[in-house]
Amino acid sequence: MTQNENNEMDIRFIPVLDLDDRQQSLQADGLKNSSQPLATDCLFYAIQDISDAYLSKILKETVFKNTSLNGGYVLLDAEQRPILLPRCCSDLNDIHAWEQLAQGNLKQFWIGHPQVLCEYQGDMIKFKPDASQDHTGFEVPVTSLKQAVQALKDELQQIHHRFQRLAHLEKLKVEKVLKLIPQLL
């Protein structure tokens, strides 16, 4: 991964939903512009690529079943390649863990299992996504992570407004729908 002279790298987060359990109806009415999953071995789709009709269907099912939205955030490198995917039991509330990590708090960093190991090394954060394998991991400058988290928070505000709009259109209880996404200050 490339860094500039200020020890920054262009990374970003993509908010995603795991559509694995919805694979049957996904291709029929679910995606905008024939989108593809963000990684070849999973069905993580960017929320922005999910049609309003299909997202409404997902929100209705989730509220009715009183469950959470499986997904989270895909971390992309400067070349827009996924370098870290959501884990099992990840969801959109993982933004809080990423915020804590960007602020220097390793103890609160949990984005599902298997656990992602990370440590601070100067002004870098070294990630080792899979402790069970000989995986070299990757490093991200703390300043880049802070910038990526802020950009993600801005995007989550847009998602919040979209969820709210869809809840009104579908006559769902807005407060139940909005509990599915993180409340940001």
N, C-alpha and C. Protein backbone atom coordinates (compact mmCIF):
# COMPACT_ATOMS: atom_id res chain seq x y z
N MET A 1 0.85 -1.17 0.00
CA MET A 1 0.00 0.00 0.00
C MET A 1 0.89 1.23 0.00
N THR A 2 0.42 2.25 -0.65
CA THR A 2 1.24 3.45 -0.81
C THR A 2 0.86 4.52 0.19
N GLN A 3 1.90 5.27 0.59
CA GLN A 3 1.72 6.39 1.51
C GLN A 3 2.37 7.61 0.89
N ASN A 4 1.85 8.80 1.24
CA ASN A 4 2.48 10.01 0.76
C ASN A 4 3.54 10.47 1.75
N GLU A 5 4.16 11.61 1.48
CA GLU A 5 5.25 12.09 2.33
C GLU A 5 4.79 12.51 3.73
N ASN A 6 3.50 12.73 3.92
CA ASN A 6 2.97 13.07 5.24
C ASN A 6 2.56 11.84 6.02
N ASN A 7 3.01 10.67 5.57
CA ASN A 7 2.68 9.40 6.21
C ASN A 7 1.17 9.16 6.25
N GLU A 8 0.51 9.50 5.16
CA GLU A 8 -0.92 9.26 5.02
C GLU A 8 -1.13 8.33 3.84
N MET A 9 -2.21 7.60 3.88
CA MET A 9 -2.57 6.77 2.75
C MET A 9 -4.06 6.93 2.51
N ASP A 10 -4.44 6.77 1.28
CA ASP A 10 -5.84 6.96 0.90
C ASP A 10 -6.60 5.66 1.17
N ILE A 11 -7.22 5.59 2.34
CA ILE A 11 -8.06 4.45 2.67
C ILE A 11 -9.47 4.96 2.87
N ARG A 12 -10.43 4.06 2.77
CA ARG A 12 -11.80 4.47 3.04
C ARG A 12 -12.62 3.25 3.43
N PHE A 13 -13.74 3.53 4.05
CA PHE A 13 -14.68 2.50 4.46
C PHE A 13 -15.88 2.51 3.53
N ILE A 14 -16.42 1.33 3.29
CA ILE A 14 -17.67 1.19 2.55
C ILE A 14 -18.67 0.51 3.49
N PRO A 15 -19.78 1.19 3.83
CA PRO A 15 -20.82 0.54 4.62
C PRO A 15 -21.49 -0.54 3.78
N VAL A 16 -21.59 -1.74 4.35
CA VAL A 16 -22.12 -2.87 3.60
C VAL A 16 -23.17 -3.64 4.41
N LEU A 17 -23.99 -4.36 3.68
CA LEU A 17 -24.87 -5.36 4.27
C LEU A 17 -24.46 -6.72 3.74
N ASP A 18 -24.53 -7.71 4.60
CA ASP A 18 -24.26 -9.09 4.21
C ASP A 18 -25.57 -9.68 3.70
N LEU A 19 -25.63 -9.92 2.42
CA LEU A 19 -26.87 -10.41 1.80
C LEU A 19 -26.84 -11.90 1.54
N ASP A 20 -26.00 -12.61 2.25
CA ASP A 20 -25.85 -14.05 2.06
C ASP A 20 -27.16 -14.80 2.22
N ASP A 21 -27.93 -14.46 3.26
CA ASP A 21 -29.19 -15.17 3.49
C ASP A 21 -30.31 -14.70 2.57
N ARG A 22 -30.04 -13.73 1.74
CA ARG A 22 -31.05 -13.21 0.80
C ARG A 22 -30.64 -13.45 -0.65
N GLN A 23 -29.77 -14.39 -0.85
CA GLN A 23 -29.18 -14.62 -2.17
C GLN A 23 -30.22 -14.93 -3.24
N GLN A 24 -31.29 -15.62 -2.90
CA GLN A 24 -32.29 -16.01 -3.89
C GLN A 24 -32.91 -14.81 -4.60
N SER A 25 -33.35 -13.82 -3.81
CA SER A 25 -34.06 -12.68 -4.41
C SER A 25 -33.13 -11.53 -4.77
N LEU A 26 -31.88 -11.66 -4.44
CA LEU A 26 -30.92 -10.58 -4.65
C LEU A 26 -30.80 -10.18 -6.11
N GLN A 27 -30.61 -11.13 -6.97
CA GLN A 27 -30.38 -10.80 -8.37
C GLN A 27 -31.64 -10.27 -9.05
N ALA A 28 -32.79 -10.71 -8.59
CA ALA A 28 -34.04 -10.31 -9.24
C ALA A 28 -34.35 -8.83 -9.05
N ASP A 29 -34.27 -8.33 -7.82
CA ASP A 29 -34.72 -6.96 -7.62
C ASP A 29 -33.86 -6.17 -6.64
N GLY A 30 -32.69 -6.66 -6.33
CA GLY A 30 -31.98 -6.07 -5.23
C GLY A 30 -30.93 -5.01 -5.50
N LEU A 31 -30.31 -5.03 -6.64
CA LEU A 31 -29.14 -4.17 -6.81
C LEU A 31 -29.31 -3.16 -7.93
N LYS A 32 -28.61 -2.06 -7.75
CA LYS A 32 -28.56 -1.03 -8.78
C LYS A 32 -27.42 -1.35 -9.74
N ASN A 33 -27.62 -1.16 -10.99
CA ASN A 33 -26.55 -1.24 -12.00
C ASN A 33 -25.73 -2.53 -11.93
N SER A 34 -26.37 -3.65 -11.72
CA SER A 34 -25.71 -4.95 -11.65
C SER A 34 -24.42 -4.92 -10.83
N SER A 35 -24.53 -4.45 -9.62
CA SER A 35 -23.39 -4.37 -8.71
C SER A 35 -22.89 -5.75 -8.35
N GLN A 36 -21.63 -5.79 -7.96
CA GLN A 36 -20.99 -7.03 -7.55
C GLN A 36 -20.64 -6.94 -6.07
N PRO A 37 -20.51 -8.10 -5.40
CA PRO A 37 -20.06 -8.05 -4.01
C PRO A 37 -18.65 -7.46 -3.93
N LEU A 38 -18.31 -6.91 -2.77
CA LEU A 38 -17.02 -6.24 -2.62
C LEU A 38 -15.85 -7.20 -2.49
N ALA A 39 -16.11 -8.46 -2.27
CA ALA A 39 -15.06 -9.48 -2.24
C ALA A 39 -15.63 -10.75 -2.87
N THR A 40 -14.77 -11.57 -3.44
CA THR A 40 -15.25 -12.72 -4.19
C THR A 40 -15.80 -13.84 -3.31
N ASP A 41 -15.39 -13.90 -2.05
CA ASP A 41 -15.79 -15.02 -1.21
C ASP A 41 -16.91 -14.68 -0.22
N CYS A 42 -17.63 -13.60 -0.46
CA CYS A 42 -18.71 -13.21 0.44
C CYS A 42 -19.76 -12.42 -0.34
N LEU A 43 -20.86 -12.12 0.32
CA LEU A 43 -21.92 -11.35 -0.32
C LEU A 43 -22.13 -10.02 0.40
N PHE A 44 -21.03 -9.29 0.60
CA PHE A 44 -21.10 -7.94 1.17
C PHE A 44 -21.34 -6.97 0.02
N TYR A 45 -22.47 -6.26 0.10
CA TYR A 45 -22.81 -5.28 -0.92
C TYR A 45 -22.87 -3.89 -0.29
N ALA A 46 -22.33 -2.92 -0.99
CA ALA A 46 -22.38 -1.54 -0.52
C ALA A 46 -23.84 -1.12 -0.40
N ILE A 47 -24.18 -0.50 0.71
CA ILE A 47 -25.56 -0.05 0.92
C ILE A 47 -25.99 0.87 -0.20
N GLN A 48 -25.07 1.70 -0.69
CA GLN A 48 -25.42 2.62 -1.76
C GLN A 48 -25.79 1.89 -3.05
N ASP A 49 -25.40 0.62 -3.20
CA ASP A 49 -25.70 -0.14 -4.41
C ASP A 49 -26.98 -0.96 -4.30
N ILE A 50 -27.62 -0.92 -3.15
CA ILE A 50 -28.85 -1.68 -2.94
C ILE A 50 -30.03 -0.76 -3.28
N SER A 51 -30.91 -1.24 -4.12
CA SER A 51 -32.05 -0.42 -4.55
C SER A 51 -32.94 -0.08 -3.36
N ASP A 52 -33.68 1.02 -3.47
CA ASP A 52 -34.62 1.41 -2.42
C ASP A 52 -35.66 0.31 -2.19
N ALA A 53 -36.14 -0.29 -3.27
CA ALA A 53 -37.16 -1.33 -3.14
C ALA A 53 -36.63 -2.51 -2.33
N TYR A 54 -35.41 -2.91 -2.64
CA TYR A 54 -34.84 -4.06 -1.94
C TYR A 54 -34.44 -3.70 -0.52
N LEU A 55 -33.92 -2.51 -0.32
CA LEU A 55 -33.56 -2.08 1.03
C LEU A 55 -34.82 -1.97 1.89
N SER A 56 -35.91 -1.50 1.33
CA SER A 56 -37.17 -1.45 2.06
C SER A 56 -37.59 -2.85 2.51
N LYS A 57 -37.45 -3.81 1.61
CA LYS A 57 -37.79 -5.20 1.92
C LYS A 57 -36.91 -5.71 3.07
N ILE A 58 -35.63 -5.41 3.03
CA ILE A 58 -34.71 -5.83 4.08
C ILE A 58 -35.09 -5.18 5.41
N LEU A 59 -35.38 -3.88 5.38
CA LEU A 59 -35.75 -3.18 6.61
C LEU A 59 -37.04 -3.76 7.20
N LYS A 60 -38.03 -4.03 6.35
CA LYS A 60 -39.29 -4.61 6.83
C LYS A 60 -39.04 -5.95 7.52
N GLU A 61 -38.29 -6.83 6.85
CA GLU A 61 -38.00 -8.15 7.42
C GLU A 61 -37.25 -8.02 8.74
N THR A 62 -36.28 -7.13 8.79
CA THR A 62 -35.44 -6.98 9.98
C THR A 62 -36.25 -6.44 11.15
N VAL A 63 -37.09 -5.45 10.89
CA VAL A 63 -37.93 -4.90 11.96
C VAL A 63 -38.95 -5.94 12.41
N PHE A 64 -39.57 -6.64 11.46
CA PHE A 64 -40.59 -7.65 11.80
C PHE A 64 -39.99 -8.78 12.65
N LYS A 65 -38.79 -9.24 12.27
CA LYS A 65 -38.14 -10.33 13.00
C LYS A 65 -37.39 -9.85 14.24
N ASN A 66 -37.31 -8.53 14.40
CA ASN A 66 -36.60 -7.93 15.53
C ASN A 66 -35.15 -8.43 15.60
N THR A 67 -34.47 -8.37 14.46
CA THR A 67 -33.06 -8.79 14.39
C THR A 67 -32.21 -7.57 14.01
N SER A 68 -30.95 -7.81 13.78
CA SER A 68 -30.07 -6.72 13.36
C SER A 68 -29.71 -6.89 11.89
N LEU A 69 -29.12 -5.85 11.33
CA LEU A 69 -28.64 -5.90 9.95
C LEU A 69 -27.22 -6.44 9.94
N ASN A 70 -27.02 -7.61 9.37
CA ASN A 70 -25.67 -8.14 9.27
C ASN A 70 -24.89 -7.34 8.25
N GLY A 71 -23.65 -7.07 8.57
CA GLY A 71 -22.81 -6.29 7.66
C GLY A 71 -21.73 -5.59 8.44
N GLY A 72 -21.51 -4.34 8.12
CA GLY A 72 -20.45 -3.58 8.77
C GLY A 72 -19.74 -2.70 7.76
N TYR A 73 -18.42 -2.76 7.80
CA TYR A 73 -17.62 -1.87 6.96
C TYR A 73 -16.47 -2.62 6.32
N VAL A 74 -16.34 -2.44 5.02
CA VAL A 74 -15.19 -2.96 4.30
C VAL A 74 -14.17 -1.84 4.24
N LEU A 75 -12.95 -2.13 4.67
CA LEU A 75 -11.85 -1.16 4.60
C LEU A 75 -11.13 -1.37 3.28
N LEU A 76 -11.06 -0.30 2.48
CA LEU A 76 -10.41 -0.36 1.16
C LEU A 76 -9.08 0.35 1.20
N ASP A 77 -8.12 -0.16 0.44
CA ASP A 77 -6.82 0.50 0.34
C ASP A 77 -6.87 1.57 -0.76
N ALA A 78 -5.73 2.17 -1.04
CA ALA A 78 -5.65 3.26 -2.02
C ALA A 78 -6.07 2.82 -3.42
N GLU A 79 -5.90 1.54 -3.73
CA GLU A 79 -6.30 1.01 -5.03
C GLU A 79 -7.74 0.52 -5.03
N GLN A 80 -8.48 0.82 -3.96
CA GLN A 80 -9.88 0.43 -3.80
C GLN A 80 -10.07 -1.08 -3.70
N ARG A 81 -9.06 -1.76 -3.16
CA ARG A 81 -9.15 -3.19 -2.91
C ARG A 81 -9.50 -3.41 -1.45
N PRO A 82 -10.35 -4.39 -1.16
CA PRO A 82 -10.67 -4.68 0.24
C PRO A 82 -9.44 -5.20 0.98
N ILE A 83 -9.14 -4.58 2.13
CA ILE A 83 -8.04 -5.07 2.95
C ILE A 83 -8.53 -5.61 4.29
N LEU A 84 -9.76 -5.29 4.64
CA LEU A 84 -10.35 -5.86 5.85
C LEU A 84 -11.87 -5.90 5.68
N LEU A 85 -12.43 -7.09 5.86
CA LEU A 85 -13.86 -7.30 5.70
C LEU A 85 -14.54 -7.40 7.06
N PRO A 86 -15.84 -7.15 7.10
CA PRO A 86 -16.57 -7.37 8.35
C PRO A 86 -16.42 -8.83 8.79
N ARG A 87 -16.50 -9.04 10.08
CA ARG A 87 -16.37 -10.36 10.65
C ARG A 87 -17.76 -10.93 10.96
N CYS A 88 -17.78 -12.15 11.43
CA CYS A 88 -19.02 -12.75 11.88
C CYS A 88 -19.56 -11.92 13.05
N CYS A 89 -20.83 -11.64 13.03
CA CYS A 89 -21.51 -10.83 14.06
C CYS A 89 -21.23 -9.34 13.93
N SER A 90 -20.66 -8.91 12.81
CA SER A 90 -20.45 -7.48 12.59
C SER A 90 -21.75 -6.82 12.17
N ASP A 91 -21.86 -5.54 12.50
CA ASP A 91 -22.98 -4.76 12.01
C ASP A 91 -22.56 -3.30 11.90
N LEU A 92 -23.50 -2.45 11.55
CA LEU A 92 -23.16 -1.04 11.31
C LEU A 92 -22.74 -0.31 12.57
N ASN A 93 -23.07 -0.84 13.75
CA ASN A 93 -22.63 -0.21 14.99
C ASN A 93 -21.13 -0.34 15.24
N ASP A 94 -20.45 -1.09 14.40
CA ASP A 94 -19.00 -1.21 14.54
C ASP A 94 -18.28 0.12 14.31
N ILE A 95 -18.98 1.12 13.82
CA ILE A 95 -18.36 2.45 13.67
C ILE A 95 -17.78 2.91 15.00
N HIS A 96 -18.44 2.56 16.09
CA HIS A 96 -17.96 3.00 17.41
C HIS A 96 -16.61 2.37 17.74
N ALA A 97 -16.40 1.12 17.36
CA ALA A 97 -15.10 0.47 17.57
C ALA A 97 -14.01 1.15 16.74
N TRP A 98 -14.36 1.49 15.49
CA TRP A 98 -13.39 2.17 14.62
C TRP A 98 -13.06 3.56 15.17
N GLU A 99 -14.06 4.26 15.70
CA GLU A 99 -13.81 5.57 16.31
C GLU A 99 -12.85 5.44 17.49
N GLN A 100 -13.10 4.46 18.33
CA GLN A 100 -12.24 4.25 19.51
C GLN A 100 -10.81 3.93 19.09
N LEU A 101 -10.66 3.09 18.08
CA LEU A 101 -9.32 2.75 17.60
C LEU A 101 -8.60 3.98 17.07
N ALA A 102 -9.30 4.80 16.30
CA ALA A 102 -8.70 6.02 15.75
C ALA A 102 -8.30 6.99 16.85
N GLN A 103 -8.95 6.91 18.00
CA GLN A 103 -8.64 7.79 19.14
C GLN A 103 -7.62 7.18 20.08
N GLY A 104 -7.08 6.02 19.74
CA GLY A 104 -6.01 5.43 20.54
C GLY A 104 -6.46 4.37 21.53
N ASN A 105 -7.69 3.91 21.44
CA ASN A 105 -8.20 2.93 22.39
C ASN A 105 -8.29 1.55 21.74
N LEU A 106 -7.27 0.73 21.99
CA LEU A 106 -7.27 -0.63 21.45
C LEU A 106 -8.25 -1.54 22.18
N LYS A 107 -8.49 -1.28 23.45
CA LYS A 107 -9.29 -2.19 24.28
C LYS A 107 -10.72 -2.31 23.79
N GLN A 108 -11.25 -1.29 23.15
CA GLN A 108 -12.63 -1.31 22.68
C GLN A 108 -12.76 -1.78 21.23
N PHE A 109 -11.66 -2.23 20.62
CA PHE A 109 -11.72 -2.61 19.21
C PHE A 109 -12.14 -4.06 19.05
N TRP A 110 -13.40 -4.24 18.69
CA TRP A 110 -13.95 -5.55 18.38
C TRP A 110 -14.95 -5.36 17.27
N ILE A 111 -14.72 -6.01 16.15
CA ILE A 111 -15.63 -5.89 15.02
C ILE A 111 -16.15 -7.26 14.60
N GLY A 112 -16.25 -8.17 15.55
CA GLY A 112 -16.73 -9.51 15.28
C GLY A 112 -15.63 -10.54 15.45
N HIS A 113 -15.97 -11.78 15.18
CA HIS A 113 -14.99 -12.84 15.32
C HIS A 113 -14.79 -13.55 14.00
N PRO A 114 -13.59 -14.05 13.74
CA PRO A 114 -12.44 -14.06 14.65
C PRO A 114 -11.92 -12.63 14.89
N GLN A 115 -11.38 -12.44 16.06
CA GLN A 115 -10.86 -11.16 16.50
C GLN A 115 -9.76 -10.66 15.56
N VAL A 116 -9.82 -9.39 15.22
CA VAL A 116 -8.74 -8.75 14.46
C VAL A 116 -7.74 -8.22 15.48
N LEU A 117 -6.52 -8.67 15.37
CA LEU A 117 -5.48 -8.18 16.27
C LEU A 117 -4.88 -6.91 15.69
N CYS A 118 -4.62 -5.95 16.54
CA CYS A 118 -3.97 -4.73 16.07
C CYS A 118 -3.17 -4.13 17.21
N GLU A 119 -2.17 -3.35 16.82
CA GLU A 119 -1.33 -2.68 17.80
C GLU A 119 -0.81 -1.38 17.19
N TYR A 120 -0.52 -0.44 18.07
CA TYR A 120 0.06 0.83 17.65
C TYR A 120 1.57 0.66 17.55
N GLN A 121 2.13 1.15 16.47
CA GLN A 121 3.58 1.20 16.28
C GLN A 121 3.91 2.60 15.81
N GLY A 122 4.21 3.48 16.77
CA GLY A 122 4.43 4.88 16.46
C GLY A 122 3.14 5.51 15.97
N ASP A 123 3.18 6.11 14.79
CA ASP A 123 1.98 6.74 14.23
C ASP A 123 1.25 5.81 13.25
N MET A 124 1.51 4.52 13.38
CA MET A 124 0.87 3.51 12.53
C MET A 124 0.07 2.55 13.41
N ILE A 125 -0.95 1.96 12.79
CA ILE A 125 -1.68 0.86 13.42
C ILE A 125 -1.42 -0.37 12.56
N LYS A 126 -0.90 -1.40 13.17
CA LYS A 126 -0.63 -2.66 12.46
C LYS A 126 -1.78 -3.61 12.73
N PHE A 127 -2.38 -4.11 11.65
CA PHE A 127 -3.50 -5.04 11.72
C PHE A 127 -3.02 -6.44 11.35
N LYS A 128 -3.49 -7.40 12.09
CA LYS A 128 -3.29 -8.80 11.74
C LYS A 128 -4.67 -9.45 11.77
N PRO A 129 -5.34 -9.48 10.60
CA PRO A 129 -6.73 -9.91 10.56
C PRO A 129 -6.98 -11.36 10.97
N ASP A 130 -6.02 -12.24 10.80
CA ASP A 130 -6.28 -13.64 11.10
C ASP A 130 -5.13 -14.20 11.93
N ALA A 131 -5.34 -14.26 13.22
CA ALA A 131 -4.31 -14.74 14.13
C ALA A 131 -4.06 -16.24 13.99
N SER A 132 -4.99 -16.97 13.40
CA SER A 132 -4.85 -18.42 13.30
C SER A 132 -3.98 -18.84 12.11
N GLN A 133 -3.65 -17.92 11.24
CA GLN A 133 -2.83 -18.24 10.08
C GLN A 133 -1.59 -17.37 10.08
N ASP A 134 -0.63 -17.74 9.25
CA ASP A 134 0.58 -16.92 9.11
C ASP A 134 0.27 -15.80 8.13
N HIS A 135 -0.42 -14.80 8.62
CA HIS A 135 -0.88 -13.67 7.81
C HIS A 135 -0.05 -12.47 8.20
N THR A 136 0.59 -11.83 7.23
CA THR A 136 1.47 -10.71 7.54
C THR A 136 0.72 -9.47 7.97
N GLY A 137 -0.51 -9.33 7.57
CA GLY A 137 -1.29 -8.17 7.96
C GLY A 137 -0.94 -6.94 7.14
N PHE A 138 -1.29 -5.78 7.68
CA PHE A 138 -1.05 -4.52 6.99
C PHE A 138 -1.00 -3.41 8.02
N GLU A 139 -0.50 -2.27 7.59
CA GLU A 139 -0.40 -1.09 8.47
C GLU A 139 -1.17 0.07 7.87
N VAL A 140 -1.71 0.90 8.76
CA VAL A 140 -2.44 2.08 8.35
C VAL A 140 -2.00 3.24 9.24
N PRO A 141 -1.67 4.39 8.68
CA PRO A 141 -1.36 5.56 9.51
C PRO A 141 -2.58 5.98 10.33
N VAL A 142 -2.36 6.34 11.57
CA VAL A 142 -3.45 6.76 12.45
C VAL A 142 -4.20 7.94 11.83
N THR A 143 -3.47 8.90 11.25
CA THR A 143 -4.13 10.07 10.65
C THR A 143 -5.07 9.65 9.50
N SER A 144 -4.66 8.66 8.73
CA SER A 144 -5.51 8.18 7.63
C SER A 144 -6.75 7.50 8.17
N LEU A 145 -6.59 6.74 9.25
CA LEU A 145 -7.76 6.09 9.84
C LEU A 145 -8.74 7.13 10.38
N LYS A 146 -8.22 8.16 11.03
CA LYS A 146 -9.09 9.22 11.55
C LYS A 146 -9.88 9.88 10.42
N GLN A 147 -9.21 10.16 9.30
CA GLN A 147 -9.88 10.78 8.16
C GLN A 147 -10.93 9.85 7.56
N ALA A 148 -10.61 8.57 7.47
CA ALA A 148 -11.55 7.60 6.91
C ALA A 148 -12.77 7.43 7.82
N VAL A 149 -12.56 7.44 9.13
CA VAL A 149 -13.67 7.33 10.06
C VAL A 149 -14.58 8.56 9.95
N GLN A 150 -14.00 9.74 9.82
CA GLN A 150 -14.82 10.94 9.68
C GLN A 150 -15.63 10.91 8.39
N ALA A 151 -15.03 10.49 7.31
CA ALA A 151 -15.75 10.39 6.04
C ALA A 151 -16.88 9.35 6.16
N LEU A 152 -16.61 8.27 6.88
CA LEU A 152 -17.64 7.25 7.09
C LEU A 152 -18.80 7.81 7.90
N LYS A 153 -18.50 8.58 8.92
CA LYS A 153 -19.57 9.19 9.73
C LYS A 153 -20.44 10.11 8.86
N ASP A 154 -19.82 10.84 7.96
CA ASP A 154 -20.58 11.70 7.05
C ASP A 154 -21.49 10.86 6.15
N GLU A 155 -20.97 9.74 5.65
CA GLU A 155 -21.78 8.87 4.80
C GLU A 155 -22.91 8.22 5.60
N LEU A 156 -22.65 7.90 6.86
CA LEU A 156 -23.69 7.30 7.69
C LEU A 156 -24.85 8.26 7.93
N GLN A 157 -24.57 9.56 7.93
CA GLN A 157 -25.66 10.53 8.04
C GLN A 157 -26.59 10.43 6.84
N GLN A 158 -26.02 10.23 5.65
CA GLN A 158 -26.83 10.07 4.44
C GLN A 158 -27.65 8.77 4.51
N ILE A 159 -27.03 7.71 5.02
CA ILE A 159 -27.73 6.43 5.16
C ILE A 159 -28.86 6.58 6.18
N HIS A 160 -28.60 7.30 7.24
CA HIS A 160 -29.62 7.56 8.27
C HIS A 160 -30.84 8.22 7.63
N HIS A 161 -30.61 9.24 6.81
CA HIS A 161 -31.71 9.93 6.14
C HIS A 161 -32.45 9.01 5.16
N ARG A 162 -31.69 8.16 4.47
CA ARG A 162 -32.32 7.21 3.54
C ARG A 162 -33.19 6.21 4.30
N PHE A 163 -32.68 5.65 5.39
CA PHE A 163 -33.46 4.70 6.19
C PHE A 163 -34.73 5.37 6.72
N GLN A 164 -34.59 6.61 7.17
CA GLN A 164 -35.74 7.35 7.70
C GLN A 164 -36.79 7.55 6.61
N ARG A 165 -36.34 7.94 5.43
CA ARG A 165 -37.25 8.15 4.30
C ARG A 165 -37.97 6.86 3.93
N LEU A 166 -37.23 5.76 3.87
CA LEU A 166 -37.84 4.47 3.52
C LEU A 166 -38.81 4.00 4.60
N ALA A 167 -38.47 4.25 5.85
CA ALA A 167 -39.39 3.88 6.94
C ALA A 167 -40.72 4.61 6.80
N HIS A 168 -40.66 5.90 6.48
CA HIS A 168 -41.89 6.68 6.27
C HIS A 168 -42.68 6.14 5.09
N LEU A 169 -41.99 5.87 3.98
CA LEU A 169 -42.67 5.37 2.78
C LEU A 169 -43.35 4.02 3.03
N GLU A 170 -42.68 3.17 3.81
CA GLU A 170 -43.21 1.82 4.06
C GLU A 170 -44.10 1.76 5.29
N LYS A 171 -44.31 2.92 5.93
CA LYS A 171 -45.13 3.00 7.13
C LYS A 171 -44.60 2.09 8.25
N LEU A 172 -43.28 2.06 8.36
CA LEU A 172 -42.62 1.33 9.45
C LEU A 172 -42.40 2.28 10.61
N LYS A 173 -42.26 1.74 11.79
CA LYS A 173 -41.95 2.58 12.94
C LYS A 173 -40.53 3.11 12.77
N VAL A 174 -40.43 4.41 12.57
CA VAL A 174 -39.15 5.05 12.27
C VAL A 174 -38.13 4.76 13.36
N GLU A 175 -38.54 4.83 14.61
CA GLU A 175 -37.59 4.61 15.71
C GLU A 175 -37.01 3.20 15.67
N LYS A 176 -37.79 2.20 15.25
CA LYS A 176 -37.27 0.83 15.14
C LYS A 176 -36.27 0.72 14.00
N VAL A 177 -36.56 1.36 12.89
CA VAL A 177 -35.65 1.33 11.74
C VAL A 177 -34.34 2.04 12.09
N LEU A 178 -34.45 3.18 12.75
CA LEU A 178 -33.25 3.95 13.06
C LEU A 178 -32.38 3.28 14.13
N LYS A 179 -32.93 2.34 14.88
CA LYS A 179 -32.12 1.58 15.84
C LYS A 179 -31.18 0.61 15.12
N LEU A 180 -31.44 0.37 13.85
CA LEU A 180 -30.61 -0.57 13.07
C LEU A 180 -29.28 0.05 12.65
N ILE A 181 -29.17 1.35 12.75
CA ILE A 181 -27.93 2.03 12.38
C ILE A 181 -27.43 2.83 13.57
N PRO A 182 -26.13 3.08 13.61
CA PRO A 182 -25.58 3.78 14.77
C PRO A 182 -26.08 5.22 14.87
N GLN A 183 -26.26 5.65 16.10
CA GLN A 183 -26.60 7.04 16.37
C GLN A 183 -25.28 7.79 16.55
N LEU A 184 -25.06 8.78 15.76
CA LEU A 184 -23.81 9.53 15.79
C LEU A 184 -24.04 10.91 16.40
N LEU A 185 -23.04 11.40 17.06
CA LEU A 185 -23.14 12.73 17.66
C LEU A 185 -22.80 13.80 16.65
